[in-house]
Amino acid sequence: MAEMESAHGNLSTVDKTWTAPRFIALLAGTLTAALIVIYLIASVRGGQVDFGWQPFAHDLVKHTVETGSI
């Protein structure tokens, strides 16, 4: 079987090791770690960690767009 080559000659061992699936795995791992860190930072409120999600925590009447009557 022929050895892989690039347009610039033979590939180095680093180029042979770092294939597309390895880059995708690195990207997925980096994004996962970043989202976890962002979630943890966003969950800290006043020194207390609150992992709860309350979609209706604000005043619904105050934040509802009123419909006009004609």
PDB file of N, CA and C in Angstrom:
ATOM      1  N   MET A   1       0.840  -1.170   0.000  1.00  0.00           N
ATOM      2  CA  MET A   1       0.000   0.000   0.000  1.00  0.00           C
ATOM      3  C   MET A   1       0.889   1.238   0.000  1.00  0.00           C
ATOM      4  N   ALA A   2       0.558   2.206  -0.798  1.00  0.00           N
ATOM      5  CA  ALA A   2       1.367   3.413  -0.926  1.00  0.00           C
ATOM      6  C   ALA A   2       1.241   4.272   0.331  1.00  0.00           C
ATOM      7  N   GLU A   3       2.297   4.987   0.630  1.00  0.00           N
ATOM      8  CA  GLU A   3       2.298   5.872   1.793  1.00  0.00           C
ATOM      9  C   GLU A   3       1.558   7.161   1.428  1.00  0.00           C
ATOM     10  N   MET A   4       0.810   7.701   2.414  1.00  0.00           N
ATOM     11  CA  MET A   4       0.038   8.922   2.163  1.00  0.00           C
ATOM     12  C   MET A   4       0.976  10.094   1.916  1.00  0.00           C
ATOM     13  N   GLU A   5       0.605  10.929   0.963  1.00  0.00           N
ATOM     14  CA  GLU A   5       1.392  12.115   0.658  1.00  0.00           C
ATOM     15  C   GLU A   5       0.480  13.328   0.609  1.00  0.00           C
ATOM     16  N   SER A   6       1.062  14.473   0.873  1.00  0.00           N
ATOM     17  CA  SER A   6       0.335  15.719   0.700  1.00  0.00           C
ATOM     18  C   SER A   6       0.890  16.405  -0.543  1.00  0.00           C
ATOM     19  N   ALA A   7       0.393  17.579  -0.840  1.00  0.00           N
ATOM     20  CA  ALA A   7       0.879  18.318  -1.990  1.00  0.00           C
ATOM     21  C   ALA A   7       2.314  18.785  -1.784  1.00  0.00           C
ATOM     22  N   HIS A   8       2.754  18.791  -0.528  1.00  0.00           N
ATOM     23  CA  HIS A   8       4.097  19.272  -0.207  1.00  0.00           C
ATOM     24  C   HIS A   8       5.065  18.127   0.097  1.00  0.00           C
ATOM     25  N   GLY A   9       4.695  16.902  -0.188  1.00  0.00           N
ATOM     26  CA  GLY A   9       5.589  15.771   0.064  1.00  0.00           C
ATOM     27  C   GLY A   9       4.991  14.816   1.082  1.00  0.00           C
ATOM     28  N   ASN A  10       5.849  14.012   1.674  1.00  0.00           N
ATOM     29  CA  ASN A  10       5.385  13.025   2.647  1.00  0.00           C
ATOM     30  C   ASN A  10       4.834  13.702   3.896  1.00  0.00           C
ATOM     31  N   LEU A  11       3.822  13.072   4.488  1.00  0.00           N
ATOM     32  CA  LEU A  11       3.229  13.592   5.711  1.00  0.00           C
ATOM     33  C   LEU A  11       4.101  13.257   6.912  1.00  0.00           C
ATOM     34  N   SER A  12       4.167  14.184   7.856  1.00  0.00           N
ATOM     35  CA  SER A  12       4.933  13.932   9.074  1.00  0.00           C
ATOM     36  C   SER A  12       4.105  13.034   9.997  1.00  0.00           C
ATOM     37  N   THR A  13       4.723  12.558  11.069  1.00  0.00           N
ATOM     38  CA  THR A  13       4.002  11.683  12.012  1.00  0.00           C
ATOM     39  C   THR A  13       2.889  12.443  12.718  1.00  0.00           C
ATOM     40  N   VAL A  14       3.086  13.729  12.950  1.00  0.00           N
ATOM     41  CA  VAL A  14       2.029  14.534  13.579  1.00  0.00           C
ATOM     42  C   VAL A  14       0.827  14.630  12.649  1.00  0.00           C
ATOM     43  N   ASP A  15       1.075  14.855  11.361  1.00  0.00           N
ATOM     44  CA  ASP A  15      -0.013  14.950  10.395  1.00  0.00           C
ATOM     45  C   ASP A  15      -0.743  13.614  10.238  1.00  0.00           C
ATOM     46  N   LYS A  16      -0.044  12.520  10.382  1.00  0.00           N
ATOM     47  CA  LYS A  16      -0.680  11.213  10.294  1.00  0.00           C
ATOM     48  C   LYS A  16      -1.513  10.913  11.536  1.00  0.00           C
ATOM     49  N   THR A  17      -1.089  11.416  12.682  1.00  0.00           N
ATOM     50  CA  THR A  17      -1.785  11.154  13.948  1.00  0.00           C
ATOM     51  C   THR A  17      -3.055  11.983  14.071  1.00  0.00           C
ATOM     52  N   TRP A  18      -2.977  13.259  13.713  1.00  0.00           N
ATOM     53  CA  TRP A  18      -4.121  14.153  13.876  1.00  0.00           C
ATOM     54  C   TRP A  18      -5.025  14.072  12.652  1.00  0.00           C
ATOM     55  N   THR A  19      -5.938  13.117  12.693  1.00  0.00           N
ATOM     56  CA  THR A  19      -6.880  12.913  11.593  1.00  0.00           C
ATOM     57  C   THR A  19      -8.183  13.665  11.885  1.00  0.00           C
ATOM     58  N   ALA A  20      -9.094  13.679  10.926  1.00  0.00           N
ATOM     59  CA  ALA A  20     -10.357  14.408  11.073  1.00  0.00           C
ATOM     60  C   ALA A  20     -11.179  13.924  12.265  1.00  0.00           C
ATOM     61  N   PRO A  21     -11.344  12.618  12.505  1.00  0.00           N
ATOM     62  CA  PRO A  21     -12.116  12.197  13.677  1.00  0.00           C
ATOM     63  C   PRO A  21     -11.509  12.681  15.000  1.00  0.00           C
ATOM     64  N   ARG A  22     -10.194  12.769  15.046  1.00  0.00           N
ATOM     65  CA  ARG A  22      -9.559  13.244  16.274  1.00  0.00           C
ATOM     66  C   ARG A  22      -9.845  14.733  16.478  1.00  0.00           C
ATOM     67  N   PHE A  23      -9.828  15.520  15.406  1.00  0.00           N
ATOM     68  CA  PHE A  23     -10.167  16.938  15.516  1.00  0.00           C
ATOM     69  C   PHE A  23     -11.625  17.122  15.931  1.00  0.00           C
ATOM     70  N   ILE A  24     -12.525  16.321  15.381  1.00  0.00           N
ATOM     71  CA  ILE A  24     -13.938  16.428  15.733  1.00  0.00           C
ATOM     72  C   ILE A  24     -14.149  16.061  17.197  1.00  0.00           C
ATOM     73  N   ALA A  25     -13.463  15.035  17.676  1.00  0.00           N
ATOM     74  CA  ALA A  25     -13.564  14.655  19.090  1.00  0.00           C
ATOM     75  C   ALA A  25     -13.021  15.769  19.985  1.00  0.00           C
ATOM     76  N   LEU A  26     -11.922  16.391  19.579  1.00  0.00           N
ATOM     77  CA  LEU A  26     -11.367  17.508  20.336  1.00  0.00           C
ATOM     78  C   LEU A  26     -12.330  18.685  20.352  1.00  0.00           C
ATOM     79  N   LEU A  27     -12.963  18.973  19.230  1.00  0.00           N
ATOM     80  CA  LEU A  27     -13.944  20.050  19.153  1.00  0.00           C
ATOM     81  C   LEU A  27     -15.140  19.759  20.055  1.00  0.00           C
ATOM     82  N   ALA A  28     -15.652  18.546  19.995  1.00  0.00           N
ATOM     83  CA  ALA A  28     -16.806  18.181  20.826  1.00  0.00           C
ATOM     84  C   ALA A  28     -16.448  18.266  22.308  1.00  0.00           C
ATOM     85  N   GLY A  29     -15.276  17.801  22.673  1.00  0.00           N
ATOM     86  CA  GLY A  29     -14.850  17.885  24.070  1.00  0.00           C
ATOM     87  C   GLY A  29     -14.684  19.315  24.538  1.00  0.00           C
ATOM     88  N   THR A  30     -14.115  20.154  23.682  1.00  0.00           N
ATOM     89  CA  THR A  30     -13.920  21.558  24.032  1.00  0.00           C
ATOM     90  C   THR A  30     -15.254  22.276  24.191  1.00  0.00           C
ATOM     91  N   LEU A  31     -16.185  22.036  23.272  1.00  0.00           N
ATOM     92  CA  LEU A  31     -17.504  22.668  23.369  1.00  0.00           C
ATOM     93  C   LEU A  31     -18.264  22.201  24.605  1.00  0.00           C
ATOM     94  N   THR A  32     -18.170  20.916  24.915  1.00  0.00           N
ATOM     95  CA  THR A  32     -18.835  20.391  26.104  1.00  0.00           C
ATOM     96  C   THR A  32     -18.273  21.033  27.364  1.00  0.00           C
ATOM     97  N   ALA A  33     -16.966  21.103  27.458  1.00  0.00           N
ATOM     98  CA  ALA A  33     -16.333  21.722  28.633  1.00  0.00           C
ATOM     99  C   ALA A  33     -16.703  23.200  28.741  1.00  0.00           C
ATOM    100  N   ALA A  34     -16.720  23.903  27.614  1.00  0.00           N
ATOM    101  CA  ALA A  34     -17.069  25.326  27.631  1.00  0.00           C
ATOM    102  C   ALA A  34     -18.513  25.538  28.065  1.00  0.00           C
ATOM    103  N   LEU A  35     -19.430  24.722  27.573  1.00  0.00           N
ATOM    104  CA  LEU A  35     -20.836  24.861  27.968  1.00  0.00           C
ATOM    105  C   LEU A  35     -21.040  24.540  29.437  1.00  0.00           C
ATOM    106  N   ILE A  36     -20.317  23.562  29.956  1.00  0.00           N
ATOM    107  CA  ILE A  36     -20.415  23.236  31.385  1.00  0.00           C
ATOM    108  C   ILE A  36     -19.913  24.399  32.227  1.00  0.00           C
ATOM    109  N   VAL A  37     -18.787  24.990  31.837  1.00  0.00           N
ATOM    110  CA  VAL A  37     -18.245  26.125  32.586  1.00  0.00           C
ATOM    111  C   VAL A  37     -19.196  27.315  32.523  1.00  0.00           C
ATOM    112  N   ILE A  38     -19.755  27.595  31.353  1.00  0.00           N
ATOM    113  CA  ILE A  38     -20.708  28.706  31.211  1.00  0.00           C
ATOM    114  C   ILE A  38     -21.945  28.456  32.068  1.00  0.00           C
ATOM    115  N   TYR A  39     -22.454  27.233  32.079  1.00  0.00           N
ATOM    116  CA  TYR A  39     -23.626  26.904  32.884  1.00  0.00           C
ATOM    117  C   TYR A  39     -23.329  27.072  34.367  1.00  0.00           C
ATOM    118  N   LEU A  40     -22.154  26.623  34.806  1.00  0.00           N
ATOM    119  CA  LEU A  40     -21.794  26.758  36.215  1.00  0.00           C
ATOM    120  C   LEU A  40     -21.634  28.218  36.614  1.00  0.00           C
ATOM    121  N   ILE A  41     -21.020  29.025  35.752  1.00  0.00           N
ATOM    122  CA  ILE A  41     -20.868  30.447  36.056  1.00  0.00           C
ATOM    123  C   ILE A  41     -22.230  31.133  36.110  1.00  0.00           C
ATOM    124  N   ALA A  42     -23.117  30.777  35.193  1.00  0.00           N
ATOM    125  CA  ALA A  42     -24.446  31.392  35.165  1.00  0.00           C
ATOM    126  C   ALA A  42     -25.310  30.941  36.335  1.00  0.00           C
ATOM    127  N   SER A  43     -24.995  29.799  36.929  1.00  0.00           N
ATOM    128  CA  SER A  43     -25.801  29.279  38.028  1.00  0.00           C
ATOM    129  C   SER A  43     -25.430  29.875  39.378  1.00  0.00           C
ATOM    130  N   VAL A  44     -24.275  30.495  39.464  1.00  0.00           N
ATOM    131  CA  VAL A  44     -23.842  31.068  40.737  1.00  0.00           C
ATOM    132  C   VAL A  44     -24.502  32.429  40.899  1.00  0.00           C
ATOM    133  N   ARG A  45     -25.294  32.550  41.974  1.00  0.00           N
ATOM    134  CA  ARG A  45     -25.996  33.810  42.240  1.00  0.00           C
ATOM    135  C   ARG A  45     -25.763  34.191  43.691  1.00  0.00           C
ATOM    136  N   GLY A  46     -25.043  35.226  43.927  1.00  0.00           N
ATOM    137  CA  GLY A  46     -24.849  35.719  45.284  1.00  0.00           C
ATOM    138  C   GLY A  46     -24.176  34.716  46.202  1.00  0.00           C
ATOM    139  N   GLY A  47     -23.283  33.934  45.691  1.00  0.00           N
ATOM    140  CA  GLY A  47     -22.570  32.977  46.517  1.00  0.00           C
ATOM    141  C   GLY A  47     -23.267  31.644  46.653  1.00  0.00           C
ATOM    142  N   GLN A  48     -24.512  31.545  46.218  1.00  0.00           N
ATOM    143  CA  GLN A  48     -25.241  30.279  46.281  1.00  0.00           C
ATOM    144  C   GLN A  48     -25.349  29.699  44.885  1.00  0.00           C
ATOM    145  N   VAL A  49     -25.231  28.405  44.808  1.00  0.00           N
ATOM    146  CA  VAL A  49     -25.354  27.734  43.521  1.00  0.00           C
ATOM    147  C   VAL A  49     -26.805  27.299  43.358  1.00  0.00           C
ATOM    148  N   ASP A  50     -27.431  27.756  42.278  1.00  0.00           N
ATOM    149  CA  ASP A  50     -28.827  27.424  42.007  1.00  0.00           C
ATOM    150  C   ASP A  50     -28.899  26.785  40.628  1.00  0.00           C
ATOM    151  N   PHE A  51     -29.076  25.472  40.584  1.00  0.00           N
ATOM    152  CA  PHE A  51     -29.122  24.765  39.319  1.00  0.00           C
ATOM    153  C   PHE A  51     -30.548  24.626  38.776  1.00  0.00           C
ATOM    154  N   GLY A  52     -31.504  25.239  39.449  1.00  0.00           N
ATOM    155  CA  GLY A  52     -32.893  25.142  39.011  1.00  0.00           C
ATOM    156  C   GLY A  52     -33.178  26.080  37.856  1.00  0.00           C
ATOM    157  N   TRP A  53     -34.105  25.674  37.014  1.00  0.00           N
ATOM    158  CA  TRP A  53     -34.516  26.511  35.904  1.00  0.00           C
ATOM    159  C   TRP A  53     -35.983  26.823  36.085  1.00  0.00           C
ATOM    160  N   GLN A  54     -36.304  28.101  36.206  1.00  0.00           N
ATOM    161  CA  GLN A  54     -37.684  28.519  36.427  1.00  0.00           C
ATOM    162  C   GLN A  54     -38.087  29.454  35.296  1.00  0.00           C
ATOM    163  N   PRO A  55     -38.749  28.930  34.283  1.00  0.00           N
ATOM    164  CA  PRO A  55     -39.086  29.774  33.138  1.00  0.00           C
ATOM    165  C   PRO A  55     -40.097  30.857  33.464  1.00  0.00           C
ATOM    166  N   PHE A  56     -40.912  30.667  34.518  1.00  0.00           N
ATOM    167  CA  PHE A  56     -41.928  31.650  34.878  1.00  0.00           C
ATOM    168  C   PHE A  56     -41.561  32.354  36.181  1.00  0.00           C
ATOM    169  N   ALA A  57     -40.276  32.634  36.370  1.00  0.00           N
ATOM    170  CA  ALA A  57     -39.817  33.259  37.604  1.00  0.00           C
ATOM    171  C   ALA A  57     -40.137  34.752  37.642  1.00  0.00           C
ATOM    172  N   HIS A  58     -40.423  35.355  36.514  1.00  0.00           N
ATOM    173  CA  HIS A  58     -40.730  36.776  36.503  1.00  0.00           C
ATOM    174  C   HIS A  58     -42.239  36.992  36.436  1.00  0.00           C
ATOM    175  N   ASP A  59     -42.641  38.214  36.545  1.00  0.00           N
ATOM    176  CA  ASP A  59     -44.056  38.581  36.537  1.00  0.00           C
ATOM    177  C   ASP A  59     -44.602  38.475  35.115  1.00  0.00           C
ATOM    178  N   LEU A  60     -45.481  37.507  34.889  1.00  0.00           N
ATOM    179  CA  LEU A  60     -46.013  37.288  33.541  1.00  0.00           C
ATOM    180  C   LEU A  60     -46.862  38.458  33.058  1.00  0.00           C
ATOM    181  N   VAL A  61     -47.634  39.066  33.936  1.00  0.00           N
ATOM    182  CA  VAL A  61     -48.500  40.165  33.529  1.00  0.00           C
ATOM    183  C   VAL A  61     -47.652  41.365  33.094  1.00  0.00           C
ATOM    184  N   LYS A  62     -46.589  41.629  33.827  1.00  0.00           N
ATOM    185  CA  LYS A  62     -45.732  42.765  33.507  1.00  0.00           C
ATOM    186  C   LYS A  62     -44.983  42.565  32.194  1.00  0.00           C
ATOM    187  N   HIS A  63     -44.643  41.322  31.859  1.00  0.00           N
ATOM    188  CA  HIS A  63     -43.839  41.049  30.674  1.00  0.00           C
ATOM    189  C   HIS A  63     -44.650  40.526  29.485  1.00  0.00           C
ATOM    190  N   THR A  64     -45.937  40.550  29.572  1.00  0.00           N
ATOM    191  CA  THR A  64     -46.778  40.083  28.479  1.00  0.00           C
ATOM    192  C   THR A  64     -47.122  41.265  27.566  1.00  0.00           C
ATOM    193  N   VAL A  65     -47.039  41.047  26.284  1.00  0.00           N
ATOM    194  CA  VAL A  65     -47.408  42.094  25.331  1.00  0.00           C
ATOM    195  C   VAL A  65     -48.927  42.156  25.263  1.00  0.00           C
ATOM    196  N   GLU A  66     -49.440  43.350  25.472  1.00  0.00           N
ATOM    197  CA  GLU A  66     -50.895  43.513  25.454  1.00  0.00           C
ATOM    198  C   GLU A  66     -51.403  43.561  24.027  1.00  0.00           C
ATOM    199  N   THR A  67     -52.565  42.965  23.833  1.00  0.00           N
ATOM    200  CA  THR A  67     -53.207  43.024  22.511  1.00  0.00           C
ATOM    201  C   THR A  67     -54.109  44.249  22.467  1.00  0.00           C
ATOM    202  N   GLY A  68     -54.096  44.907  21.339  1.00  0.00           N
ATOM    203  CA  GLY A  68     -54.931  46.098  21.191  1.00  0.00           C
ATOM    204  C   GLY A  68     -56.331  45.723  20.741  1.00  0.00           C
ATOM    205  N   SER A  69     -57.297  46.473  21.190  1.00  0.00           N
ATOM    206  CA  SER A  69     -58.670  46.238  20.747  1.00  0.00           C
ATOM    207  C   SER A  69     -59.084  47.362  19.823  1.00  0.00           C
ATOM    208  N   ILE A  70     -59.690  46.975  18.716  1.00  0.00           N
ATOM    209  CA  ILE A  70     -60.081  47.982  17.724  1.00  0.00           C
ATOM    210  C   ILE A  70     -61.568  48.134  17.733  1.00  0.00           C
TER     211      ILE A  70
END
